[in-house]
């Protein structure tokens, strides 16, 4: 067993002993990285090899590369205590942009149509049926934004009980 593989085993054991729940993915990513270093006859972590490994496969999503390098970064940081030659890849390498989906903006007409459709649903326990029965609560939560904002807001949720709908904020 190579020194890197022993260090990896110790690193994972220490993380578990400290109470961290390691994802299975973390273990196989780090094992893959150590194998990559061994294939390149390297006995310590270098930023160049870490980035080269993290950017595999070519053409993968840059967020995947970012995650791979982040996994290596934690391992490399721990190695610096036992191997002064170990390099910790900088956090600004392989940045990942997370694109948030634009929320749907409900208009007054959308809210009215939703409530009208909810009124046509069968059954007392239906979520939308309960919302239709409690129009004021739902309208207040789905109302177009206040204070000049055109962003409708949903500040709580509604749930139905056997007896009557209940609004929660």
Protein backbone atom coordinates (compact mmCIF):
# COMPACT_ATOMS: atom_id res chain seq x y z
CA UNK A 1 0.00 0.00 0.00
CA UNK A 2 1.44 3.39 -1.01
CA UNK A 3 1.94 6.20 1.47
CA UNK A 4 -0.80 8.18 -0.26
CA UNK A 5 -3.25 5.29 0.01
CA UNK A 6 -2.40 4.91 3.71
CA UNK A 7 -2.85 8.66 4.19
CA UNK A 8 -6.24 8.45 2.44
CA UNK A 9 -7.35 5.58 4.67
CA UNK A 10 -6.27 7.56 7.76
CA UNK A 11 -7.96 10.74 6.48
CA UNK A 12 -11.29 8.96 5.95
CA UNK A 13 -11.03 7.22 9.34
CA UNK A 14 -10.31 10.55 11.05
CA UNK A 15 -13.26 12.26 9.35
CA UNK A 16 -15.57 9.46 10.49
CA UNK A 17 -14.14 9.55 14.04
CA UNK A 18 -14.86 13.28 14.16
CA UNK A 19 -18.51 12.55 13.34
CA UNK A 20 -18.59 13.44 9.65
CA UNK A 21 -20.89 11.38 7.50
CA UNK A 22 -18.94 10.85 4.32
CA UNK A 23 -20.76 10.43 1.08
CA UNK A 24 -19.88 7.24 -0.77
CA UNK A 25 -18.95 9.52 -3.66
CA UNK A 26 -16.24 11.20 -1.57
CA UNK A 27 -14.51 7.90 -0.92
CA UNK A 28 -14.44 6.74 -4.51
CA UNK A 29 -13.45 10.18 -5.80
CA UNK A 30 -10.47 10.32 -3.46
CA UNK A 31 -9.51 6.69 -4.21
CA UNK A 32 -9.65 7.57 -7.91
CA UNK A 33 -7.45 10.61 -7.31
CA UNK A 34 -4.87 8.59 -5.38
CA UNK A 35 -4.85 6.00 -8.21
CA UNK A 36 -4.30 8.85 -10.68
CA UNK A 37 -1.31 10.10 -8.66
CA UNK A 38 0.10 6.56 -8.46
CA UNK A 39 -0.26 6.14 -12.24
CA UNK A 40 1.79 9.32 -12.64
CA UNK A 41 4.44 8.07 -10.15
CA UNK A 42 3.70 10.96 -7.79
CA UNK A 43 4.15 10.53 -4.06
CA UNK A 44 2.52 13.82 -3.07
CA UNK A 45 -0.36 16.04 -4.18
CA UNK A 46 0.42 18.78 -6.69
CA UNK A 47 -1.96 21.45 -7.87
CA UNK A 48 -1.16 20.64 -11.50
CA UNK A 49 -2.10 16.97 -11.15
CA UNK A 50 -5.13 17.78 -8.98
CA UNK A 51 -6.51 20.10 -11.67
CA UNK A 52 -5.65 17.62 -14.44
CA UNK A 53 -7.52 14.86 -12.57
CA UNK A 54 -10.46 17.10 -11.61
CA UNK A 55 -11.08 18.17 -15.22
CA UNK A 56 -11.74 14.61 -16.31
CA UNK A 57 -13.66 13.65 -18.26
CA UNK A 58 -13.10 16.36 -20.82
CA UNK A 59 -16.35 18.07 -21.72
CA UNK A 60 -18.03 17.34 -18.38
CA UNK A 61 -20.02 20.01 -16.57
CA UNK A 62 -17.67 22.54 -14.91
CA UNK A 63 -19.67 22.14 -11.70
CA UNK A 64 -18.60 18.48 -11.63
CA UNK A 65 -14.96 19.55 -12.05
CA UNK A 66 -15.42 22.06 -9.21
CA UNK A 67 -16.84 19.35 -6.96
CA UNK A 68 -14.02 16.92 -7.78
CA UNK A 69 -11.36 19.54 -7.04
CA UNK A 70 -13.11 20.55 -3.82
CA UNK A 71 -13.01 16.96 -2.63
CA UNK A 72 -9.28 16.79 -3.34
CA UNK A 73 -8.72 20.16 -1.64
CA UNK A 74 -9.90 18.84 1.73
CA UNK A 75 -7.69 15.77 1.46
CA UNK A 76 -4.69 17.85 0.34
CA UNK A 77 -5.20 20.27 3.24
CA UNK A 78 -5.02 17.39 5.69
CA UNK A 79 -1.90 16.02 3.99
CA UNK A 80 0.03 19.23 4.61
CA UNK A 81 0.34 18.25 8.28
CA UNK A 82 2.33 15.12 7.39
CA UNK A 83 3.81 16.04 3.99
CA UNK A 84 5.20 19.57 3.58
CA UNK A 85 5.44 19.01 -0.20
CA UNK A 86 1.66 18.55 -0.52
CA UNK A 87 0.04 21.42 -2.39
CA UNK A 88 -3.50 22.58 -1.64
CA UNK A 89 -5.27 23.71 -4.82
CA UNK A 90 -6.56 27.26 -4.52
CA UNK A 91 -10.29 27.70 -3.95
CA UNK A 92 -10.55 30.00 -6.97
CA UNK A 93 -9.46 27.27 -9.40
CA UNK A 94 -12.25 25.77 -11.50
CA UNK A 95 -15.03 28.09 -10.30
CA UNK A 96 -18.58 26.86 -10.75
CA UNK A 97 -21.55 29.02 -11.62
CA UNK A 98 -24.84 27.80 -10.25
CA UNK A 99 -27.72 29.07 -12.34
CA UNK A 100 -30.88 29.47 -10.36
CA UNK A 101 -34.14 28.91 -12.19
CA UNK A 102 -36.15 32.10 -12.58
CA UNK A 103 -39.30 31.84 -10.43
CA UNK A 104 -42.68 32.07 -12.09
CA UNK A 105 -44.41 35.39 -11.41
CA UNK A 106 -48.13 34.97 -10.71
CA UNK A 107 -50.37 37.70 -12.02
CA UNK A 108 -53.74 38.54 -10.52
CA UNK A 109 -55.35 36.70 -13.46
CA UNK A 110 -53.21 33.61 -12.76
CA UNK A 111 -54.29 33.58 -9.13
CA UNK A 112 -57.95 33.96 -10.07
CA UNK A 113 -57.68 31.14 -12.63
CA UNK A 114 -55.93 28.91 -10.08
CA UNK A 115 -58.65 29.48 -7.50
CA UNK A 116 -61.40 28.91 -10.07
CA UNK A 117 -59.80 25.61 -11.15
CA UNK A 118 -59.37 24.59 -7.50
CA UNK A 119 -63.07 25.10 -6.93
CA UNK A 120 -63.83 22.50 -9.61
CA UNK A 121 -61.71 19.77 -8.00
CA UNK A 122 -63.55 16.93 -6.25
CA UNK A 123 -62.98 15.95 -2.64
CA UNK A 124 -62.69 17.86 0.61
CA UNK A 125 -59.07 16.89 1.30
CA UNK A 126 -57.61 18.22 -1.92
CA UNK A 127 -54.88 20.80 -1.26
CA UNK A 128 -56.17 23.13 -3.94
CA UNK A 129 -59.78 22.60 -2.88
CA UNK A 130 -58.77 23.72 0.63
CA UNK A 131 -57.02 26.72 -0.84
CA UNK A 132 -60.13 27.64 -2.82
CA UNK A 133 -62.25 27.46 0.34
CA UNK A 134 -59.87 29.83 2.11
CA UNK A 135 -59.59 32.47 -0.66
CA UNK A 136 -58.48 35.32 1.59
CA UNK A 137 -55.54 33.39 3.03
CA UNK A 138 -54.38 32.14 -0.34
CA UNK A 139 -54.87 35.50 -2.04
CA UNK A 140 -52.77 37.15 0.66
CA UNK A 141 -49.96 34.65 0.10
CA UNK A 142 -50.05 34.65 -3.69
CA UNK A 143 -50.82 38.32 -4.06
CA UNK A 144 -48.58 40.36 -6.35
CA UNK A 145 -45.70 41.93 -4.41
CA UNK A 146 -46.30 44.98 -2.29
CA UNK A 147 -44.32 48.16 -1.88
CA UNK A 148 -43.73 48.74 -5.58
CA UNK A 149 -42.44 45.23 -6.17
CA UNK A 150 -44.04 43.32 -9.00
CA UNK A 151 -42.89 40.00 -7.53
CA UNK A 152 -45.75 37.90 -6.19
CA UNK A 153 -44.86 36.16 -2.97
CA UNK A 154 -45.84 32.92 -1.29
CA UNK A 155 -45.07 33.50 2.39
CA UNK A 156 -46.57 30.32 3.80
CA UNK A 157 -48.47 27.25 2.77
CA UNK A 158 -51.94 25.88 3.19
CA UNK A 159 -52.96 22.45 4.33
CA UNK A 160 -56.33 20.78 4.73
CA UNK A 161 -57.58 18.92 7.76
CA UNK A 162 -60.66 16.76 7.98
CA UNK A 163 -62.71 19.66 9.27
CA UNK A 164 -61.49 22.85 7.62
CA UNK A 165 -58.54 24.37 5.81
CA UNK A 166 -55.81 25.85 7.95
CA UNK A 167 -53.54 28.67 6.84
CA UNK A 168 -50.00 28.74 8.20
CA UNK A 169 -47.46 31.51 7.81
